[in-house]
PDB file of N, CA and C in Angstrom:
ATOM      1  N   MET A   1      -8.720  19.321 -71.301  1.00  0.00           N
ATOM      2  CA  MET A   1      -9.594  18.424 -70.488  1.00  0.00           C
ATOM      3  C   MET A   1      -9.569  17.049 -71.016  1.00  0.00           C
ATOM      4  N   ILE A   2      -9.812  16.111 -70.126  1.00  0.00           N
ATOM      5  CA  ILE A   2      -9.875  14.672 -70.360  1.00  0.00           C
ATOM      6  C   ILE A   2     -11.397  14.283 -70.158  1.00  0.00           C
ATOM      7  N   HIS A   3     -11.912  13.504 -70.991  1.00  0.00           N
ATOM      8  CA  HIS A   3     -13.261  13.075 -70.774  1.00  0.00           C
ATOM      9  C   HIS A   3     -13.223  11.602 -70.212  1.00  0.00           C
ATOM     10  N   ILE A   4     -13.738  11.476 -68.990  1.00  0.00           N
ATOM     11  CA  ILE A   4     -13.701  10.203 -68.322  1.00  0.00           C
ATOM     12  C   ILE A   4     -15.066   9.559 -68.323  1.00  0.00           C
ATOM     13  N   LEU A   5     -15.166   8.276 -68.667  1.00  0.00           N
ATOM     14  CA  LEU A   5     -16.373   7.526 -68.675  1.00  0.00           C
ATOM     15  C   LEU A   5     -16.207   6.305 -67.695  1.00  0.00           C
ATOM     16  N   TYR A   6     -17.314   6.003 -66.958  1.00  0.00           N
ATOM     17  CA  TYR A   6     -17.355   4.832 -66.066  1.00  0.00           C
ATOM     18  C   TYR A   6     -18.425   3.977 -66.503  1.00  0.00           C
ATOM     19  N   PHE A   7     -18.108   2.638 -66.546  1.00  0.00           N
ATOM     20  CA  PHE A   7     -19.092   1.612 -66.990  1.00  0.00           C
ATOM     21  C   PHE A   7     -19.363   0.617 -65.973  1.00  0.00           C
ATOM     22  N   ALA A   8     -20.492   0.002 -66.144  1.00  0.00           N
ATOM     23  CA  ALA A   8     -20.996  -1.161 -65.351  1.00  0.00           C
ATOM     24  C   ALA A   8     -20.903  -0.924 -63.854  1.00  0.00           C
ATOM     25  N   SER A   9     -20.234  -1.790 -63.015  1.00  0.00           N
ATOM     26  CA  SER A   9     -20.242  -1.665 -61.614  1.00  0.00           C
ATOM     27  C   SER A   9     -19.444  -0.442 -61.196  1.00  0.00           C
ATOM     28  N   LEU A  10     -18.476  -0.004 -61.904  1.00  0.00           N
ATOM     29  CA  LEU A  10     -17.713   1.167 -61.574  1.00  0.00           C
ATOM     30  C   LEU A  10     -18.651   2.329 -61.548  1.00  0.00           C
ATOM     31  N   ARG A  11     -19.557   2.472 -62.507  1.00  0.00           N
ATOM     32  CA  ARG A  11     -20.507   3.617 -62.534  1.00  0.00           C
ATOM     33  C   ARG A  11     -21.329   3.563 -61.324  1.00  0.00           C
ATOM     34  N   GLU A  12     -21.774   2.418 -60.940  1.00  0.00           N
ATOM     35  CA  GLU A  12     -22.608   2.347 -59.726  1.00  0.00           C
ATOM     36  C   GLU A  12     -21.833   2.684 -58.522  1.00  0.00           C
ATOM     37  N   GLN A  13     -20.588   2.265 -58.389  1.00  0.00           N
ATOM     38  CA  GLN A  13     -19.774   2.515 -57.173  1.00  0.00           C
ATOM     39  C   GLN A  13     -19.458   4.010 -57.020  1.00  0.00           C
ATOM     40  N   VAL A  14     -19.020   4.626 -58.090  1.00  0.00           N
ATOM     41  CA  VAL A  14     -18.639   6.017 -57.912  1.00  0.00           C
ATOM     42  C   VAL A  14     -19.804   6.990 -58.081  1.00  0.00           C
ATOM     43  N   GLY A  15     -20.894   6.489 -58.538  1.00  0.00           N
ATOM     44  CA  GLY A  15     -22.154   7.336 -58.663  1.00  0.00           C
ATOM     45  C   GLY A  15     -22.055   8.373 -59.781  1.00  0.00           C
ATOM     46  N   ALA A  16     -21.360   8.050 -60.857  1.00  0.00           N
ATOM     47  CA  ALA A  16     -21.248   8.935 -61.952  1.00  0.00           C
ATOM     48  C   ALA A  16     -21.012   8.076 -63.229  1.00  0.00           C
ATOM     49  N   ALA A  17     -21.595   8.571 -64.336  1.00  0.00           N
ATOM     50  CA  ALA A  17     -21.333   7.948 -65.596  1.00  0.00           C
ATOM     51  C   ALA A  17     -20.176   8.520 -66.372  1.00  0.00           C
ATOM     52  N   ALA A  18     -19.963   9.866 -66.070  1.00  0.00           N
ATOM     53  CA  ALA A  18     -18.842  10.545 -66.776  1.00  0.00           C
ATOM     54  C   ALA A  18     -18.501  11.811 -66.005  1.00  0.00           C
ATOM     55  N   GLU A  19     -17.300  12.342 -66.338  1.00  0.00           N
ATOM     56  CA  GLU A  19     -16.838  13.583 -65.802  1.00  0.00           C
ATOM     57  C   GLU A  19     -15.706  14.076 -66.640  1.00  0.00           C
ATOM     58  N   GLU A  20     -15.362  15.358 -66.426  1.00  0.00           N
ATOM     59  CA  GLU A  20     -14.221  15.892 -67.201  1.00  0.00           C
ATOM     60  C   GLU A  20     -13.186  16.331 -66.161  1.00  0.00           C
ATOM     61  N   LEU A  21     -11.935  16.091 -66.501  1.00  0.00           N
ATOM     62  CA  LEU A  21     -10.838  16.492 -65.622  1.00  0.00           C
ATOM     63  C   LEU A  21      -9.767  17.254 -66.388  1.00  0.00           C
ATOM     64  N   PRO A  22      -9.165  18.251 -65.803  1.00  0.00           N
ATOM     65  CA  PRO A  22      -8.109  18.924 -66.518  1.00  0.00           C
ATOM     66  C   PRO A  22      -6.899  18.036 -66.690  1.00  0.00           C
ATOM     67  N   LEU A  23      -6.221  18.152 -67.775  1.00  0.00           N
ATOM     68  CA  LEU A  23      -5.115  17.223 -68.063  1.00  0.00           C
ATOM     69  C   LEU A  23      -4.054  17.315 -66.945  1.00  0.00           C
ATOM     70  N   ALA A  24      -3.752  18.494 -66.466  1.00  0.00           N
ATOM     71  CA  ALA A  24      -2.821  18.714 -65.356  1.00  0.00           C
ATOM     72  C   ALA A  24      -1.498  17.926 -65.614  1.00  0.00           C
ATOM     73  N   ASP A  25      -1.064  17.219 -64.635  1.00  0.00           N
ATOM     74  CA  ASP A  25       0.160  16.424 -64.697  1.00  0.00           C
ATOM     75  C   ASP A  25      -0.067  15.007 -65.135  1.00  0.00           C
ATOM     76  N   SER A  26      -1.200  14.725 -65.528  1.00  0.00           N
ATOM     77  CA  SER A  26      -1.514  13.313 -65.902  1.00  0.00           C
ATOM     78  C   SER A  26      -1.030  13.030 -67.300  1.00  0.00           C
ATOM     79  N   ARG A  27      -0.130  12.070 -67.422  1.00  0.00           N
ATOM     80  CA  ARG A  27       0.481  11.801 -68.680  1.00  0.00           C
ATOM     81  C   ARG A  27       0.082  10.425 -69.227  1.00  0.00           C
ATOM     82  N   ASN A  28      -0.459   9.508 -68.404  1.00  0.00           N
ATOM     83  CA  ASN A  28      -0.912   8.232 -68.880  1.00  0.00           C
ATOM     84  C   ASN A  28      -2.038   7.712 -68.095  1.00  0.00           C
ATOM     85  N   VAL A  29      -2.579   6.563 -68.373  1.00  0.00           N
ATOM     86  CA  VAL A  29      -3.728   5.910 -67.675  1.00  0.00           C
ATOM     87  C   VAL A  29      -3.468   5.724 -66.268  1.00  0.00           C
ATOM     88  N   SER A  30      -2.274   5.361 -65.897  1.00  0.00           N
ATOM     89  CA  SER A  30      -1.900   5.086 -64.494  1.00  0.00           C
ATOM     90  C   SER A  30      -2.015   6.397 -63.744  1.00  0.00           C
ATOM     91  N   ASP A  31      -1.594   7.489 -64.238  1.00  0.00           N
ATOM     92  CA  ASP A  31      -1.678   8.732 -63.615  1.00  0.00           C
ATOM     93  C   ASP A  31      -3.111   9.167 -63.289  1.00  0.00           C
ATOM     94  N   ILE A  32      -3.991   8.955 -64.284  1.00  0.00           N
ATOM     95  CA  ILE A  32      -5.413   9.206 -64.026  1.00  0.00           C
ATOM     96  C   ILE A  32      -5.940   8.391 -62.922  1.00  0.00           C
ATOM     97  N   LEU A  33      -5.657   7.075 -62.952  1.00  0.00           N
ATOM     98  CA  LEU A  33      -6.201   6.212 -61.868  1.00  0.00           C
ATOM     99  C   LEU A  33      -5.686   6.690 -60.515  1.00  0.00           C
ATOM    100  N   GLU A  34      -4.413   7.056 -60.433  1.00  0.00           N
ATOM    101  CA  GLU A  34      -3.867   7.546 -59.149  1.00  0.00           C
ATOM    102  C   GLU A  34      -4.540   8.790 -58.671  1.00  0.00           C
ATOM    103  N   ARG A  35      -4.872   9.727 -59.605  1.00  0.00           N
ATOM    104  CA  ARG A  35      -5.604  11.015 -59.238  1.00  0.00           C
ATOM    105  C   ARG A  35      -6.985  10.646 -58.654  1.00  0.00           C
ATOM    106  N   LEU A  36      -7.655   9.682 -59.406  1.00  0.00           N
ATOM    107  CA  LEU A  36      -9.065   9.365 -58.890  1.00  0.00           C
ATOM    108  C   LEU A  36      -8.985   8.600 -57.609  1.00  0.00           C
ATOM    109  N   HIS A  37      -8.066   7.699 -57.460  1.00  0.00           N
ATOM    110  CA  HIS A  37      -7.913   6.884 -56.222  1.00  0.00           C
ATOM    111  C   HIS A  37      -7.632   7.885 -55.006  1.00  0.00           C
ATOM    112  N   ALA A  38      -6.817   8.886 -55.240  1.00  0.00           N
ATOM    113  CA  ALA A  38      -6.472   9.788 -54.224  1.00  0.00           C
ATOM    114  C   ALA A  38      -7.640  10.600 -53.595  1.00  0.00           C
ATOM    115  N   ARG A  39      -8.722  10.542 -54.332  1.00  0.00           N
ATOM    116  CA  ARG A  39      -9.992  11.253 -53.766  1.00  0.00           C
ATOM    117  C   ARG A  39     -10.468  10.530 -52.516  1.00  0.00           C
ATOM    118  N   GLY A  40     -10.107   9.273 -52.372  1.00  0.00           N
ATOM    119  CA  GLY A  40     -10.590   8.475 -51.182  1.00  0.00           C
ATOM    120  C   GLY A  40     -11.978   8.102 -51.279  1.00  0.00           C
ATOM    121  N   GLY A  41     -12.513   7.547 -50.233  1.00  0.00           N
ATOM    122  CA  GLY A  41     -13.956   7.101 -50.246  1.00  0.00           C
ATOM    123  C   GLY A  41     -14.216   6.055 -51.174  1.00  0.00           C
ATOM    124  N   VAL A  42     -15.402   6.261 -51.971  1.00  0.00           N
ATOM    125  CA  VAL A  42     -15.800   5.292 -52.991  1.00  0.00           C
ATOM    126  C   VAL A  42     -14.830   5.172 -54.121  1.00  0.00           C
ATOM    127  N   TRP A  43     -14.111   6.282 -54.365  1.00  0.00           N
ATOM    128  CA  TRP A  43     -13.078   6.195 -55.384  1.00  0.00           C
ATOM    129  C   TRP A  43     -11.943   5.267 -55.060  1.00  0.00           C
ATOM    130  N   ALA A  44     -11.531   5.376 -53.801  1.00  0.00           N
ATOM    131  CA  ALA A  44     -10.439   4.430 -53.406  1.00  0.00           C
ATOM    132  C   ALA A  44     -10.885   2.954 -53.367  1.00  0.00           C
ATOM    133  N   ASP A  45     -12.169   2.809 -53.016  1.00  0.00           N
ATOM    134  CA  ASP A  45     -12.694   1.448 -52.974  1.00  0.00           C
ATOM    135  C   ASP A  45     -12.841   0.865 -54.382  1.00  0.00           C
ATOM    136  N   ALA A  46     -13.325   1.708 -55.335  1.00  0.00           N
ATOM    137  CA  ALA A  46     -13.606   1.159 -56.665  1.00  0.00           C
ATOM    138  C   ALA A  46     -12.338   1.012 -57.525  1.00  0.00           C
ATOM    139  N   LEU A  47     -11.282   1.896 -57.230  1.00  0.00           N
ATOM    140  CA  LEU A  47     -10.188   1.995 -58.078  1.00  0.00           C
ATOM    141  C   LEU A  47      -8.828   1.688 -57.360  1.00  0.00           C
ATOM    142  N   GLY A  48      -8.950   1.064 -56.176  1.00  0.00           N
ATOM    143  CA  GLY A  48      -7.830   0.839 -55.356  1.00  0.00           C
ATOM    144  C   GLY A  48      -7.040  -0.421 -55.602  1.00  0.00           C
ATOM    145  N   VAL A  49      -6.066  -0.631 -54.780  1.00  0.00           N
ATOM    146  CA  VAL A  49      -5.236  -1.851 -54.810  1.00  0.00           C
ATOM    147  C   VAL A  49      -6.137  -3.048 -54.726  1.00  0.00           C
ATOM    148  N   GLY A  50      -5.821  -3.975 -55.579  1.00  0.00           N
ATOM    149  CA  GLY A  50      -6.611  -5.228 -55.568  1.00  0.00           C
ATOM    150  C   GLY A  50      -7.820  -5.216 -56.435  1.00  0.00           C
ATOM    151  N   GLN A  51      -8.138  -4.027 -56.990  1.00  0.00           N
ATOM    152  CA  GLN A  51      -9.326  -3.970 -57.907  1.00  0.00           C
ATOM    153  C   GLN A  51      -8.787  -4.017 -59.325  1.00  0.00           C
ATOM    154  N   THR A  52      -9.385  -4.869 -60.076  1.00  0.00           N
ATOM    155  CA  THR A  52      -9.021  -4.938 -61.526  1.00  0.00           C
ATOM    156  C   THR A  52      -9.926  -4.070 -62.284  1.00  0.00           C
ATOM    157  N   VAL A  53      -9.286  -3.068 -62.961  1.00  0.00           N
ATOM    158  CA  VAL A  53      -9.972  -2.104 -63.740  1.00  0.00           C
ATOM    159  C   VAL A  53      -9.277  -2.068 -65.135  1.00  0.00           C
ATOM    160  N   LEU A  54     -10.125  -2.173 -66.153  1.00  0.00           N
ATOM    161  CA  LEU A  54      -9.613  -2.041 -67.499  1.00  0.00           C
ATOM    162  C   LEU A  54      -9.877  -0.660 -68.021  1.00  0.00           C
ATOM    163  N   ALA A  55      -9.074  -0.269 -69.011  1.00  0.00           N
ATOM    164  CA  ALA A  55      -9.215   1.069 -69.555  1.00  0.00           C
ATOM    165  C   ALA A  55      -9.142   1.048 -71.041  1.00  0.00           C
ATOM    166  N   ALA A  56      -9.789   2.053 -71.585  1.00  0.00           N
ATOM    167  CA  ALA A  56      -9.746   2.321 -73.081  1.00  0.00           C
ATOM    168  C   ALA A  56      -9.450   3.829 -73.283  1.00  0.00           C
ATOM    169  N   VAL A  57      -8.649   4.130 -74.196  1.00  0.00           N
ATOM    170  CA  VAL A  57      -8.396   5.507 -74.550  1.00  0.00           C
ATOM    171  C   VAL A  57      -8.819   5.704 -75.984  1.00  0.00           C
ATOM    172  N   ASN A  58      -9.798   6.564 -76.140  1.00  0.00           N
ATOM    173  CA  ASN A  58     -10.386   6.883 -77.491  1.00  0.00           C
ATOM    174  C   ASN A  58     -10.889   5.604 -78.120  1.00  0.00           C
ATOM    175  N   GLN A  59     -11.560   4.770 -77.269  1.00  0.00           N
ATOM    176  CA  GLN A  59     -12.204   3.554 -77.654  1.00  0.00           C
ATOM    177  C   GLN A  59     -11.295   2.466 -78.122  1.00  0.00           C
ATOM    178  N   GLU A  60     -10.047   2.493 -77.672  1.00  0.00           N
ATOM    179  CA  GLU A  60      -9.091   1.408 -77.942  1.00  0.00           C
ATOM    180  C   GLU A  60      -8.546   0.965 -76.624  1.00  0.00           C
ATOM    181  N   MET A  61      -8.487  -0.383 -76.401  1.00  0.00           N
ATOM    182  CA  MET A  61      -7.963  -0.887 -75.117  1.00  0.00           C
ATOM    183  C   MET A  61      -6.630  -0.259 -74.805  1.00  0.00           C
ATOM    184  N   ALA A  62      -6.415   0.045 -73.524  1.00  0.00           N
ATOM    185  CA  ALA A  62      -5.185   0.751 -73.180  1.00  0.00           C
ATOM    186  C   ALA A  62      -4.518   0.056 -71.998  1.00  0.00           C
ATOM    187  N   ARG A  63      -3.273   0.344 -71.869  1.00  0.00           N
ATOM    188  CA  ARG A  63      -2.456  -0.176 -70.778  1.00  0.00           C
ATOM    189  C   ARG A  63      -2.181   0.946 -69.791  1.00  0.00           C
ATOM    190  N   PRO A  64      -1.660   0.644 -68.595  1.00  0.00           N
ATOM    191  CA  PRO A  64      -1.360   1.707 -67.663  1.00  0.00           C
ATOM    192  C   PRO A  64      -0.442   2.805 -68.211  1.00  0.00           C
ATOM    193  N   ASP A  65       0.481   2.428 -69.082  1.00  0.00           N
ATOM    194  CA  ASP A  65       1.413   3.401 -69.601  1.00  0.00           C
ATOM    195  C   ASP A  65       0.971   4.085 -70.879  1.00  0.00           C
ATOM    196  N   THR A  66      -0.250   3.835 -71.338  1.00  0.00           N
ATOM    197  CA  THR A  66      -0.806   4.520 -72.510  1.00  0.00           C
ATOM    198  C   THR A  66      -0.842   5.986 -72.302  1.00  0.00           C
ATOM    199  N   GLU A  67      -0.297   6.746 -73.204  1.00  0.00           N
ATOM    200  CA  GLU A  67      -0.280   8.211 -73.059  1.00  0.00           C
ATOM    201  C   GLU A  67      -1.630   8.836 -73.199  1.00  0.00           C
ATOM    202  N   ILE A  68      -1.931   9.835 -72.400  1.00  0.00           N
ATOM    203  CA  ILE A  68      -3.148  10.595 -72.445  1.00  0.00           C
ATOM    204  C   ILE A  68      -2.830  12.011 -72.965  1.00  0.00           C
ATOM    205  N   ARG A  69      -3.672  12.515 -73.868  1.00  0.00           N
ATOM    206  CA  ARG A  69      -3.495  13.884 -74.439  1.00  0.00           C
ATOM    207  C   ARG A  69      -4.797  14.626 -74.197  1.00  0.00           C
ATOM    208  N   ASP A  70      -4.642  15.945 -74.238  1.00  0.00           N
ATOM    209  CA  ASP A  70      -5.835  16.826 -74.110  1.00  0.00           C
ATOM    210  C   ASP A  70      -6.960  16.403 -75.043  1.00  0.00           C
ATOM    211  N   ASN A  71      -8.164  16.397 -74.565  1.00  0.00           N
ATOM    212  CA  ASN A  71      -9.414  16.057 -75.290  1.00  0.00           C
ATOM    213  C   ASN A  71      -9.629  14.553 -75.510  1.00  0.00           C
ATOM    214  N   ASP A  72      -8.652  13.673 -74.918  1.00  0.00           N
ATOM    215  CA  ASP A  72      -8.847  12.243 -75.049  1.00  0.00           C
ATOM    216  C   ASP A  72     -10.029  11.798 -74.237  1.00  0.00           C
ATOM    217  N   GLU A  73     -10.627  10.731 -74.636  1.00  0.00           N
ATOM    218  CA  GLU A  73     -11.693  10.066 -73.889  1.00  0.00           C
ATOM    219  C   GLU A  73     -11.053   8.865 -73.198  1.00  0.00           C
ATOM    220  N   VAL A  74     -11.188   8.696 -71.869  1.00  0.00           N
ATOM    221  CA  VAL A  74     -10.658   7.595 -71.149  1.00  0.00           C
ATOM    222  C   VAL A  74     -11.797   6.943 -70.499  1.00  0.00           C
ATOM    223  N   ALA A  75     -11.996   5.622 -70.786  1.00  0.00           N
ATOM    224  CA  ALA A  75     -13.157   4.807 -70.200  1.00  0.00           C
ATOM    225  C   ALA A  75     -12.550   3.793 -69.239  1.00  0.00           C
ATOM    226  N   PHE A  76     -13.166   3.659 -68.130  1.00  0.00           N
ATOM    227  CA  PHE A  76     -12.775   2.677 -67.110  1.00  0.00           C
ATOM    228  C   PHE A  76     -13.962   1.667 -66.918  1.00  0.00           C
ATOM    229  N   PHE A  77     -13.639   0.340 -66.834  1.00  0.00           N
ATOM    230  CA  PHE A  77     -14.671  -0.657 -66.701  1.00  0.00           C
ATOM    231  C   PHE A  77     -14.088  -1.861 -66.109  1.00  0.00           C
ATOM    232  N   PRO A  78     -14.969  -2.644 -65.375  1.00  0.00           N
ATOM    233  CA  PRO A  78     -14.464  -3.859 -64.753  1.00  0.00           C
ATOM    234  C   PRO A  78     -14.212  -4.950 -65.844  1.00  0.00           C
ATOM    235  N   PRO A  79     -13.467  -5.951 -65.537  1.00  0.00           N
ATOM    236  CA  PRO A  79     -13.311  -7.023 -66.516  1.00  0.00           C
ATOM    237  C   PRO A  79     -14.587  -7.751 -66.800  1.00  0.00           C
ATOM    238  N   VAL A  80     -14.811  -8.173 -67.979  1.00  0.00           N
ATOM    239  CA  VAL A  80     -16.020  -8.879 -68.369  1.00  0.00           C
ATOM    240  C   VAL A  80     -15.829 -10.341 -68.474  1.00  0.00           C
ATOM    241  N   THR A  81     -16.679 -11.082 -67.901  1.00  0.00           N
ATOM    242  CA  THR A  81     -16.660 -12.498 -67.957  1.00  0.00           C
ATOM    243  C   THR A  81     -17.830 -13.097 -68.722  1.00  0.00           C
ATOM    244  N   GLY A  82     -17.589 -14.125 -69.346  1.00  0.00           N
ATOM    245  CA  GLY A  82     -18.677 -14.746 -70.168  1.00  0.00           C
ATOM    246  C   GLY A  82     -18.865 -16.154 -69.748  1.00  0.00           C
ATOM    247  N   GLY A  83     -19.811 -16.801 -70.174  1.00  0.00           N
ATOM    248  CA  GLY A  83     -20.157 -18.138 -69.828  1.00  0.00           C
ATOM    249  C   GLY A  83     -21.096 -18.805 -70.752  1.00  0.00           C
TER     250      GLY A  83
END
């Protein structure tokens, strides 16, 4: 299983703070995003083309090609701006 966390506006958009997914064929962050996007609806809106989403794996910033392993925690969040 993979532990997925959603933060800030993503949490509001998808209506969930967390969920668990089977690892299945997901090998990296990009694979997870594609699986979630394929759900359609609010998932496609929140995680779709043109949306900037940052990720962390096990509390470390991650790239789309960062490998995912069983029991990893994957967090998704929008970019943060300051001022």
